[in-house]
Protein backbone atom coordinates (compact mmCIF):
# COMPACT_ATOMS: atom_id res chain seq x y z
CA MET A 1 -2.39 18.62 -0.61
CA LYS A 2 0.23 17.12 -2.88
CA LYS A 3 3.62 15.61 -2.12
CA LEU A 4 6.66 16.79 -4.03
CA LYS A 5 10.06 15.19 -4.25
CA ILE A 6 12.74 17.85 -4.58
CA THR A 7 16.18 17.00 -5.91
CA GLY A 8 18.93 19.52 -6.30
CA ARG A 9 22.41 19.25 -7.69
CA PRO A 10 25.08 21.73 -8.68
CA LEU A 11 26.68 21.51 -12.10
CA LEU A 12 30.11 20.48 -10.85
CA ILE A 13 32.64 19.17 -13.35
CA ASP A 14 35.33 16.64 -12.45
CA PRO A 15 38.63 18.30 -13.47
CA ASN A 16 40.22 14.94 -14.35
CA THR A 17 37.50 13.56 -16.65
CA GLN A 18 35.72 16.81 -17.63
CA LYS A 19 32.38 15.08 -16.92
CA GLN A 20 29.69 15.98 -14.40
CA TYR A 21 29.97 14.28 -11.04
CA THR A 22 27.56 11.39 -10.40
CA VAL A 23 24.91 11.51 -7.68
CA SER A 24 26.97 9.19 -5.45
CA GLN A 25 30.02 11.44 -5.81
CA LEU A 26 27.93 14.52 -5.02
CA CYS A 27 26.48 12.78 -1.94
CA ALA A 28 29.99 11.95 -0.78
CA MET A 29 30.96 15.63 -1.13
CA ASN A 30 27.71 16.69 0.60
CA CYS A 31 26.64 18.50 -2.60
CA TYR A 32 23.30 16.79 -3.25
CA TYR A 33 19.93 17.85 -1.87
CA GLU A 34 16.84 15.66 -1.70
CA ASP A 35 13.66 16.18 0.27
CA ILE A 36 9.93 15.38 0.18
CA ILE A 37 7.50 18.14 1.10
CA GLU A 38 3.74 18.69 1.10
CA VAL A 39 2.33 21.64 -0.83
CA ASP A 40 -1.09 23.04 -1.72
CA ASP A 41 -2.81 21.80 -4.85
CA ASN A 42 -2.20 25.10 -6.63
CA TYR A 43 1.53 25.43 -5.87
CA ASP A 44 3.94 27.52 -7.95
CA THR A 45 7.37 25.99 -8.65
CA LEU A 46 9.04 29.39 -8.99
CA MET A 47 7.87 30.44 -5.52
CA LEU A 48 8.91 27.06 -4.08
CA ASP A 49 12.35 27.49 -5.62
CA LEU A 50 12.72 31.02 -4.21
CA ASN A 51 11.46 29.98 -0.75
CA LEU A 52 13.91 27.07 -0.60
CA GLN A 53 16.80 29.30 -1.66
CA HIS A 54 15.84 31.79 1.02
CA LYS A 55 15.56 29.09 3.69
CA TYR A 56 18.73 27.25 2.57
CA PRO A 57 21.20 29.77 1.03
CA GLU A 58 23.55 26.98 -0.05
CA LEU A 59 20.94 25.92 -2.65
CA LYS A 60 21.30 29.15 -4.65
CA THR A 61 23.78 27.49 -7.01
CA TYR A 62 21.74 24.27 -7.34
CA ASN A 63 19.40 23.24 -10.13
CA LEU A 64 16.23 22.09 -8.38
CA LYS A 65 13.82 19.58 -9.90
CA PHE A 66 10.28 19.07 -8.57
CA GLU A 67 8.39 15.78 -9.07
CA GLU A 68 4.86 15.04 -7.87
CA ILE A 69 4.52 11.84 -5.84
CA ASN A 70 1.24 9.92 -5.80
């Protein structure tokens, strides 16, 4: 079993500065997803992404990043 840290963020642009919102701004707007899960050694990131989007429909517009944790 491996542990994965999942971070997800939408590509939201601040209309005033025309820059992407920071993580702290996204957290304040409840638009940031972070979780740690355990997966099999031979996991597939595409299937993980699809399963998370099915389980949490609000993540369909998020870019998800998977990082292995030792």
